[in-house]
Amino acid sequence: MAILNRRKGSGIRDKIDNIDAVGLVQGRLIEMVVASDIAEKAVGVTTEDIRGSCPQNMIMLAIFGDTASVTSAIEEIKKTWETEQW
């Protein structure tokens, strides 16, 4: 959690504590914006972009919440991507 708190887009001031699970999703910027929107609207999770240096310009999205919500959010993202054929 300390690593994710240091590297999340909102900065270290806004720590995310008291969570059960973290889901990580990686893709292009627009995909991660859509994935974040899907996850936050589908279930009560918090999403953050995770800063890093990827030569392929991929973005990592962290999904924070309880285990069931994180799992549901990831499943909803997968379902939407399959339906929309991204």
PDB file of N, CA and C in Angstrom:
ATOM      1  N   MET A   1       0.821  -1.193   0.000  1.00  0.00           N
ATOM      2  CA  MET A   1       0.000   0.000   0.000  1.00  0.00           C
ATOM      3  C   MET A   1       0.862   1.252   0.000  1.00  0.00           C
ATOM      4  N   ALA A   2       1.995   1.187   0.688  1.00  0.00           N
ATOM      5  CA  ALA A   2       2.864   2.364   0.733  1.00  0.00           C
ATOM      6  C   ALA A   2       3.356   2.721  -0.667  1.00  0.00           C
ATOM      7  N   ILE A   3       3.702   1.727  -1.455  1.00  0.00           N
ATOM      8  CA  ILE A   3       4.165   1.975  -2.825  1.00  0.00           C
ATOM      9  C   ILE A   3       3.042   2.600  -3.648  1.00  0.00           C
ATOM     10  N   LEU A   4       1.856   2.028  -3.578  1.00  0.00           N
ATOM     11  CA  LEU A   4       0.726   2.564  -4.347  1.00  0.00           C
ATOM     12  C   LEU A   4       0.368   3.970  -3.887  1.00  0.00           C
ATOM     13  N   ASN A   5       0.389   4.218  -2.582  1.00  0.00           N
ATOM     14  CA  ASN A   5       0.081   5.568  -2.079  1.00  0.00           C
ATOM     15  C   ASN A   5       1.074   6.597  -2.591  1.00  0.00           C
ATOM     16  N   ARG A   6       2.354   6.211  -2.705  1.00  0.00           N
ATOM     17  CA  ARG A   6       3.367   7.145  -3.217  1.00  0.00           C
ATOM     18  C   ARG A   6       3.215   7.391  -4.710  1.00  0.00           C
ATOM     19  N   ARG A   7       2.715   6.415  -5.466  1.00  0.00           N
ATOM     20  CA  ARG A   7       2.712   6.509  -6.917  1.00  0.00           C
ATOM     21  C   ARG A   7       1.341   6.862  -7.511  1.00  0.00           C
ATOM     22  N   LYS A   8       0.321   6.998  -6.677  1.00  0.00           N
ATOM     23  CA  LYS A   8      -1.004   7.282  -7.229  1.00  0.00           C
ATOM     24  C   LYS A   8      -1.115   8.731  -7.697  1.00  0.00           C
ATOM     25  N   GLY A   9      -1.943   8.950  -8.688  1.00  0.00           N
ATOM     26  CA  GLY A   9      -2.065  10.246  -9.330  1.00  0.00           C
ATOM     27  C   GLY A   9      -2.491  11.379  -8.426  1.00  0.00           C
ATOM     28  N   SER A  10      -3.295  11.106  -7.408  1.00  0.00           N
ATOM     29  CA  SER A  10      -3.764  12.186  -6.535  1.00  0.00           C
ATOM     30  C   SER A  10      -2.727  12.599  -5.503  1.00  0.00           C
ATOM     31  N   GLY A  11      -1.618  11.909  -5.444  1.00  0.00           N
ATOM     32  CA  GLY A  11      -0.544  12.278  -4.534  1.00  0.00           C
ATOM     33  C   GLY A  11      -0.631  11.597  -3.187  1.00  0.00           C
ATOM     34  N   ILE A  12       0.408  11.769  -2.405  1.00  0.00           N
ATOM     35  CA  ILE A  12       0.535  11.080  -1.124  1.00  0.00           C
ATOM     36  C   ILE A  12      -0.353  11.684  -0.033  1.00  0.00           C
ATOM     37  N   ARG A  13      -0.773  12.941  -0.210  1.00  0.00           N
ATOM     38  CA  ARG A  13      -1.608  13.592   0.821  1.00  0.00           C
ATOM     39  C   ARG A  13      -2.906  12.841   1.058  1.00  0.00           C
ATOM     40  N   ASP A  14      -3.524  12.348  -0.011  1.00  0.00           N
ATOM     41  CA  ASP A  14      -4.814  11.668   0.090  1.00  0.00           C
ATOM     42  C   ASP A  14      -4.593  10.162   0.168  1.00  0.00           C
ATOM     43  N   LYS A  15      -4.216   9.681   1.347  1.00  0.00           N
ATOM     44  CA  LYS A  15      -3.949   8.254   1.505  1.00  0.00           C
ATOM     45  C   LYS A  15      -5.247   7.459   1.445  1.00  0.00           C
ATOM     46  N   ILE A  16      -5.128   6.289   0.875  1.00  0.00           N
ATOM     47  CA  ILE A  16      -6.257   5.363   0.837  1.00  0.00           C
ATOM     48  C   ILE A  16      -5.951   4.261   1.841  1.00  0.00           C
ATOM     49  N   ASP A  17      -6.733   4.211   2.897  1.00  0.00           N
ATOM     50  CA  ASP A  17      -6.524   3.230   3.955  1.00  0.00           C
ATOM     51  C   ASP A  17      -7.785   2.407   4.163  1.00  0.00           C
ATOM     52  N   ASN A  18      -7.653   1.389   4.979  1.00  0.00           N
ATOM     53  CA  ASN A  18      -8.783   0.543   5.363  1.00  0.00           C
ATOM     54  C   ASN A  18      -9.490  -0.076   4.164  1.00  0.00           C
ATOM     55  N   ILE A  19      -8.733  -0.699   3.296  1.00  0.00           N
ATOM     56  CA  ILE A  19      -9.313  -1.401   2.170  1.00  0.00           C
ATOM     57  C   ILE A  19      -8.943  -2.874   2.272  1.00  0.00           C
ATOM     58  N   ASP A  20      -9.743  -3.717   1.655  1.00  0.00           N
ATOM     59  CA  ASP A  20      -9.485  -5.150   1.689  1.00  0.00           C
ATOM     60  C   ASP A  20      -8.713  -5.636   0.467  1.00  0.00           C
ATOM     61  N   ALA A  21      -8.906  -4.958  -0.673  1.00  0.00           N
ATOM     62  CA  ALA A  21      -8.330  -5.468  -1.912  1.00  0.00           C
ATOM     63  C   ALA A  21      -7.933  -4.335  -2.846  1.00  0.00           C
ATOM     64  N   VAL A  22      -6.985  -4.648  -3.718  1.00  0.00           N
ATOM     65  CA  VAL A  22      -6.559  -3.736  -4.778  1.00  0.00           C
ATOM     66  C   VAL A  22      -6.545  -4.541  -6.065  1.00  0.00           C
ATOM     67  N   GLY A  23      -7.238  -4.035  -7.074  1.00  0.00           N
ATOM     68  CA  GLY A  23      -7.180  -4.644  -8.403  1.00  0.00           C
ATOM     69  C   GLY A  23      -6.378  -3.733  -9.309  1.00  0.00           C
ATOM     70  N   LEU A  24      -5.539  -4.318 -10.146  1.00  0.00           N
ATOM     71  CA  LEU A  24      -4.722  -3.530 -11.066  1.00  0.00           C
ATOM     72  C   LEU A  24      -5.089  -3.883 -12.499  1.00  0.00           C
ATOM     73  N   VAL A  25      -5.294  -2.852 -13.306  1.00  0.00           N
ATOM     74  CA  VAL A  25      -5.646  -3.006 -14.715  1.00  0.00           C
ATOM     75  C   VAL A  25      -4.703  -2.106 -15.506  1.00  0.00           C
ATOM     76  N   GLN A  26      -4.213  -2.602 -16.626  1.00  0.00           N
ATOM     77  CA  GLN A  26      -3.282  -1.811 -17.421  1.00  0.00           C
ATOM     78  C   GLN A  26      -3.766  -1.738 -18.859  1.00  0.00           C
ATOM     79  N   GLY A  27      -3.611  -0.562 -19.460  1.00  0.00           N
ATOM     80  CA  GLY A  27      -4.012  -0.377 -20.852  1.00  0.00           C
ATOM     81  C   GLY A  27      -3.668   1.019 -21.333  1.00  0.00           C
ATOM     82  N   ARG A  28      -4.212   1.352 -22.487  1.00  0.00           N
ATOM     83  CA  ARG A  28      -4.000   2.699 -23.030  1.00  0.00           C
ATOM     84  C   ARG A  28      -4.806   3.705 -22.211  1.00  0.00           C
ATOM     85  N   LEU A  29      -4.409   4.960 -22.308  1.00  0.00           N
ATOM     86  CA  LEU A  29      -5.027   6.010 -21.495  1.00  0.00           C
ATOM     87  C   LEU A  29      -6.545   6.021 -21.622  1.00  0.00           C
ATOM     88  N   ILE A  30      -7.058   6.048 -22.830  1.00  0.00           N
ATOM     89  CA  ILE A  30      -8.516   6.126 -23.009  1.00  0.00           C
ATOM     90  C   ILE A  30      -9.214   4.899 -22.433  1.00  0.00           C
ATOM     91  N   GLU A  31      -8.588   3.737 -22.559  1.00  0.00           N
ATOM     92  CA  GLU A  31      -9.166   2.522 -21.977  1.00  0.00           C
ATOM     93  C   GLU A  31      -9.247   2.623 -20.456  1.00  0.00           C
ATOM     94  N   MET A  32      -8.223   3.208 -19.846  1.00  0.00           N
ATOM     95  CA  MET A  32      -8.202   3.310 -18.393  1.00  0.00           C
ATOM     96  C   MET A  32      -9.174   4.368 -17.884  1.00  0.00           C
ATOM     97  N   VAL A  33      -9.405   5.416 -18.663  1.00  0.00           N
ATOM     98  CA  VAL A  33     -10.426   6.404 -18.296  1.00  0.00           C
ATOM     99  C   VAL A  33     -11.799   5.743 -18.306  1.00  0.00           C
ATOM    100  N   VAL A  34     -12.069   4.976 -19.345  1.00  0.00           N
ATOM    101  CA  VAL A  34     -13.345   4.270 -19.440  1.00  0.00           C
ATOM    102  C   VAL A  34     -13.454   3.216 -18.343  1.00  0.00           C
ATOM    103  N   ALA A  35     -12.379   2.460 -18.102  1.00  0.00           N
ATOM    104  CA  ALA A  35     -12.389   1.427 -17.061  1.00  0.00           C
ATOM    105  C   ALA A  35     -12.667   2.041 -15.689  1.00  0.00           C
ATOM    106  N   SER A  36     -12.072   3.182 -15.418  1.00  0.00           N
ATOM    107  CA  SER A  36     -12.305   3.868 -14.148  1.00  0.00           C
ATOM    108  C   SER A  36     -13.769   4.262 -14.008  1.00  0.00           C
ATOM    109  N   ASP A  37     -14.337   4.796 -15.062  1.00  0.00           N
ATOM    110  CA  ASP A  37     -15.740   5.201 -15.065  1.00  0.00           C
ATOM    111  C   ASP A  37     -16.654   3.993 -14.827  1.00  0.00           C
ATOM    112  N   ILE A  38     -16.374   2.903 -15.518  1.00  0.00           N
ATOM    113  CA  ILE A  38     -17.173   1.682 -15.366  1.00  0.00           C
ATOM    114  C   ILE A  38     -17.099   1.180 -13.930  1.00  0.00           C
ATOM    115  N   ALA A  39     -15.884   1.090 -13.392  1.00  0.00           N
ATOM    116  CA  ALA A  39     -15.689   0.542 -12.046  1.00  0.00           C
ATOM    117  C   ALA A  39     -16.383   1.385 -10.983  1.00  0.00           C
ATOM    118  N   GLU A  40     -16.218   2.695 -11.060  1.00  0.00           N
ATOM    119  CA  GLU A  40     -16.804   3.556 -10.033  1.00  0.00           C
ATOM    120  C   GLU A  40     -18.325   3.598 -10.116  1.00  0.00           C
ATOM    121  N   LYS A  41     -18.874   3.492 -11.326  1.00  0.00           N
ATOM    122  CA  LYS A  41     -20.335   3.510 -11.468  1.00  0.00           C
ATOM    123  C   LYS A  41     -20.958   2.165 -11.125  1.00  0.00           C
ATOM    124  N   ALA A  42     -20.233   1.070 -11.368  1.00  0.00           N
ATOM    125  CA  ALA A  42     -20.786  -0.264 -11.145  1.00  0.00           C
ATOM    126  C   ALA A  42     -20.881  -0.616  -9.664  1.00  0.00           C
ATOM    127  N   VAL A  43     -19.851  -0.284  -8.919  1.00  0.00           N
ATOM    128  CA  VAL A  43     -19.805  -0.629  -7.490  1.00  0.00           C
ATOM    129  C   VAL A  43     -19.079   0.470  -6.736  1.00  0.00           C
ATOM    130  N   GLY A  44     -19.126   0.443  -5.431  1.00  0.00           N
ATOM    131  CA  GLY A  44     -18.515   1.493  -4.613  1.00  0.00           C
ATOM    132  C   GLY A  44     -17.024   1.313  -4.424  1.00  0.00           C
ATOM    133  N   VAL A  45     -16.259   1.560  -5.461  1.00  0.00           N
ATOM    134  CA  VAL A  45     -14.803   1.473  -5.372  1.00  0.00           C
ATOM    135  C   VAL A  45     -14.185   2.834  -5.653  1.00  0.00           C
ATOM    136  N   THR A  46     -12.926   2.959  -5.321  1.00  0.00           N
ATOM    137  CA  THR A  46     -12.147   4.155  -5.633  1.00  0.00           C
ATOM    138  C   THR A  46     -11.093   3.752  -6.645  1.00  0.00           C
ATOM    139  N   THR A  47     -10.911   4.557  -7.678  1.00  0.00           N
ATOM    140  CA  THR A  47      -9.884   4.262  -8.671  1.00  0.00           C
ATOM    141  C   THR A  47      -8.847   5.374  -8.690  1.00  0.00           C
ATOM    142  N   GLU A  48      -7.628   4.995  -8.988  1.00  0.00           N
ATOM    143  CA  GLU A  48      -6.507   5.946  -9.071  1.00  0.00           C
ATOM    144  C   GLU A  48      -5.589   5.490 -10.191  1.00  0.00           C
ATOM    145  N   ASP A  49      -5.039   6.450 -10.931  1.00  0.00           N
ATOM    146  CA  ASP A  49      -3.987   6.092 -11.873  1.00  0.00           C
ATOM    147  C   ASP A  49      -2.699   5.952 -11.076  1.00  0.00           C
ATOM    148  N   ILE A  50      -1.879   5.001 -11.486  1.00  0.00           N
ATOM    149  CA  ILE A  50      -0.611   4.741 -10.813  1.00  0.00           C
ATOM    150  C   ILE A  50       0.507   5.186 -11.734  1.00  0.00           C
ATOM    151  N   ARG A  51       1.284   6.157 -11.272  1.00  0.00           N
ATOM    152  CA  ARG A  51       2.367   6.710 -12.086  1.00  0.00           C
ATOM    153  C   ARG A  51       3.501   5.714 -12.224  1.00  0.00           C
ATOM    154  N   GLY A  52       4.100   5.715 -13.380  1.00  0.00           N
ATOM    155  CA  GLY A  52       5.250   4.862 -13.634  1.00  0.00           C
ATOM    156  C   GLY A  52       5.853   5.234 -14.970  1.00  0.00           C
ATOM    157  N   SER A  53       6.842   4.488 -15.379  1.00  0.00           N
ATOM    158  CA  SER A  53       7.442   4.748 -16.682  1.00  0.00           C
ATOM    159  C   SER A  53       7.391   3.466 -17.501  1.00  0.00           C
ATOM    160  N   CYS A  54       6.452   3.419 -18.399  1.00  0.00           N
ATOM    161  CA  CYS A  54       6.272   2.265 -19.272  1.00  0.00           C
ATOM    162  C   CYS A  54       6.653   2.687 -20.684  1.00  0.00           C
ATOM    163  N   PRO A  55       7.595   1.994 -21.309  1.00  0.00           N
ATOM    164  CA  PRO A  55       8.029   2.383 -22.653  1.00  0.00           C
ATOM    165  C   PRO A  55       6.899   2.320 -23.690  1.00  0.00           C
ATOM    166  N   GLN A  56       5.893   1.506 -23.439  1.00  0.00           N
ATOM    167  CA  GLN A  56       4.775   1.394 -24.374  1.00  0.00           C
ATOM    168  C   GLN A  56       3.665   2.398 -24.077  1.00  0.00           C
ATOM    169  N   ASN A  57       3.906   3.315 -23.143  1.00  0.00           N
ATOM    170  CA  ASN A  57       2.927   4.334 -22.758  1.00  0.00           C
ATOM    171  C   ASN A  57       1.621   3.739 -22.245  1.00  0.00           C
ATOM    172  N   MET A  58       1.724   2.654 -21.516  1.00  0.00           N
ATOM    173  CA  MET A  58       0.551   2.039 -20.908  1.00  0.00           C
ATOM    174  C   MET A  58       0.290   2.722 -19.565  1.00  0.00           C
ATOM    175  N   ILE A  59      -0.947   2.772 -19.176  1.00  0.00           N
ATOM    176  CA  ILE A  59      -1.368   3.386 -17.921  1.00  0.00           C
ATOM    177  C   ILE A  59      -1.841   2.274 -16.995  1.00  0.00           C
ATOM    178  N   MET A  60      -1.505   2.378 -15.704  1.00  0.00           N
ATOM    179  CA  MET A  60      -1.999   1.399 -14.742  1.00  0.00           C
ATOM    180  C   MET A  60      -3.055   2.056 -13.877  1.00  0.00           C
ATOM    181  N   LEU A  61      -4.156   1.351 -13.707  1.00  0.00           N
ATOM    182  CA  LEU A  61      -5.269   1.803 -12.894  1.00  0.00           C
ATOM    183  C   LEU A  61      -5.365   0.892 -11.684  1.00  0.00           C
ATOM    184  N   ALA A  62      -5.433   1.472 -10.491  1.00  0.00           N
ATOM    185  CA  ALA A  62      -5.641   0.706  -9.265  1.00  0.00           C
ATOM    186  C   ALA A  62      -7.093   0.893  -8.835  1.00  0.00           C
ATOM    187  N   ILE A  63      -7.716  -0.215  -8.492  1.00  0.00           N
ATOM    188  CA  ILE A  63      -9.103  -0.208  -8.022  1.00  0.00           C
ATOM    189  C   ILE A  63      -9.072  -0.627  -6.555  1.00  0.00           C
ATOM    190  N   PHE A  64      -9.483   0.281  -5.664  1.00  0.00           N
ATOM    191  CA  PHE A  64      -9.423   0.043  -4.227  1.00  0.00           C
ATOM    192  C   PHE A  64     -10.824  -0.181  -3.673  1.00  0.00           C
ATOM    193  N   GLY A  65     -10.966  -1.149  -2.766  1.00  0.00           N
ATOM    194  CA  GLY A  65     -12.251  -1.377  -2.125  1.00  0.00           C
ATOM    195  C   GLY A  65     -12.269  -2.700  -1.389  1.00  0.00           C
ATOM    196  N   ASP A  66     -13.450  -3.142  -1.018  1.00  0.00           N
ATOM    197  CA  ASP A  66     -13.550  -4.466  -0.402  1.00  0.00           C
ATOM    198  C   ASP A  66     -13.410  -5.519  -1.508  1.00  0.00           C
ATOM    199  N   THR A  67     -13.104  -6.729  -1.128  1.00  0.00           N
ATOM    200  CA  THR A  67     -12.784  -7.786  -2.088  1.00  0.00           C
ATOM    201  C   THR A  67     -13.909  -8.017  -3.092  1.00  0.00           C
ATOM    202  N   ALA A  68     -15.132  -8.112  -2.626  1.00  0.00           N
ATOM    203  CA  ALA A  68     -16.260  -8.366  -3.526  1.00  0.00           C
ATOM    204  C   ALA A  68     -16.451  -7.224  -4.514  1.00  0.00           C
ATOM    205  N   SER A  69     -16.307  -5.993  -4.055  1.00  0.00           N
ATOM    206  CA  SER A  69     -16.495  -4.834  -4.941  1.00  0.00           C
ATOM    207  C   SER A  69     -15.394  -4.742  -5.990  1.00  0.00           C
ATOM    208  N   VAL A  70     -14.149  -4.983  -5.592  1.00  0.00           N
ATOM    209  CA  VAL A  70     -13.042  -4.940  -6.552  1.00  0.00           C
ATOM    210  C   VAL A  70     -13.226  -6.034  -7.599  1.00  0.00           C
ATOM    211  N   THR A  71     -13.595  -7.228  -7.160  1.00  0.00           N
ATOM    212  CA  THR A  71     -13.839  -8.330  -8.095  1.00  0.00           C
ATOM    213  C   THR A  71     -14.973  -7.991  -9.047  1.00  0.00           C
ATOM    214  N   SER A  72     -16.060  -7.442  -8.528  1.00  0.00           N
ATOM    215  CA  SER A  72     -17.199  -7.054  -9.366  1.00  0.00           C
ATOM    216  C   SER A  72     -16.812  -5.962 -10.360  1.00  0.00           C
ATOM    217  N   ALA A  73     -16.026  -5.002  -9.914  1.00  0.00           N
ATOM    218  CA  ALA A  73     -15.591  -3.918 -10.801  1.00  0.00           C
ATOM    219  C   ALA A  73     -14.765  -4.464 -11.957  1.00  0.00           C
ATOM    220  N   ILE A  74     -13.830  -5.360 -11.666  1.00  0.00           N
ATOM    221  CA  ILE A  74     -12.997  -5.942 -12.720  1.00  0.00           C
ATOM    222  C   ILE A  74     -13.839  -6.779 -13.675  1.00  0.00           C
ATOM    223  N   GLU A  75     -14.776  -7.531 -13.148  1.00  0.00           N
ATOM    224  CA  GLU A  75     -15.675  -8.324 -14.005  1.00  0.00           C
ATOM    225  C   GLU A  75     -16.516  -7.422 -14.904  1.00  0.00           C
ATOM    226  N   GLU A  76     -16.979  -6.319 -14.359  1.00  0.00           N
ATOM    227  CA  GLU A  76     -17.784  -5.372 -15.155  1.00  0.00           C
ATOM    228  C   GLU A  76     -16.941  -4.740 -16.265  1.00  0.00           C
ATOM    229  N   ILE A  77     -15.692  -4.422 -15.958  1.00  0.00           N
ATOM    230  CA  ILE A  77     -14.780  -3.886 -16.984  1.00  0.00           C
ATOM    231  C   ILE A  77     -14.583  -4.913 -18.086  1.00  0.00           C
ATOM    232  N   LYS A  78     -14.304  -6.168 -17.709  1.00  0.00           N
ATOM    233  CA  LYS A  78     -14.115  -7.244 -18.702  1.00  0.00           C
ATOM    234  C   LYS A  78     -15.356  -7.409 -19.577  1.00  0.00           C
ATOM    235  N   LYS A  79     -16.525  -7.442 -18.933  1.00  0.00           N
ATOM    236  CA  LYS A  79     -17.777  -7.635 -19.656  1.00  0.00           C
ATOM    237  C   LYS A  79     -18.006  -6.501 -20.659  1.00  0.00           C
ATOM    238  N   THR A  80     -17.753  -5.274 -20.238  1.00  0.00           N
ATOM    239  CA  THR A  80     -17.934  -4.133 -21.126  1.00  0.00           C
ATOM    240  C   THR A  80     -16.969  -4.179 -22.287  1.00  0.00           C
ATOM    241  N   TRP A  81     -15.694  -4.514 -22.009  1.00  0.00           N
ATOM    242  CA  TRP A  81     -14.698  -4.581 -23.079  1.00  0.00           C
ATOM    243  C   TRP A  81     -15.056  -5.658 -24.082  1.00  0.00           C
ATOM    244  N   GLU A  82     -15.545  -6.802 -23.617  1.00  0.00           N
ATOM    245  CA  GLU A  82     -15.935  -7.884 -24.549  1.00  0.00           C
ATOM    246  C   GLU A  82     -17.134  -7.478 -25.385  1.00  0.00           C
ATOM    247  N   THR A  83     -18.088  -6.805 -24.766  1.00  0.00           N
ATOM    248  CA  THR A  83     -19.281  -6.360 -25.465  1.00  0.00           C
ATOM    249  C   THR A  83     -18.951  -5.292 -26.494  1.00  0.00           C
ATOM    250  N   GLU A  84     -18.093  -4.355 -26.117  1.00  0.00           N
ATOM    251  CA  GLU A  84     -17.736  -3.249 -27.003  1.00  0.00           C
ATOM    252  C   GLU A  84     -16.618  -3.628 -27.980  1.00  0.00           C
ATOM    253  N   GLN A  85     -16.012  -4.798 -27.801  1.00  0.00           N
ATOM    254  CA  GLN A  85     -14.931  -5.307 -28.649  1.00  0.00           C
ATOM    255  C   GLN A  85     -13.768  -4.330 -28.747  1.00  0.00           C
ATOM    256  N   TRP A  86     -13.209  -3.956 -27.619  1.00  0.00           N
ATOM    257  CA  TRP A  86     -12.066  -3.049 -27.585  1.00  0.00           C
ATOM    258  C   TRP A  86     -10.841  -3.766 -28.013  1.00  0.00           C
TER     259      TRP A  86
END
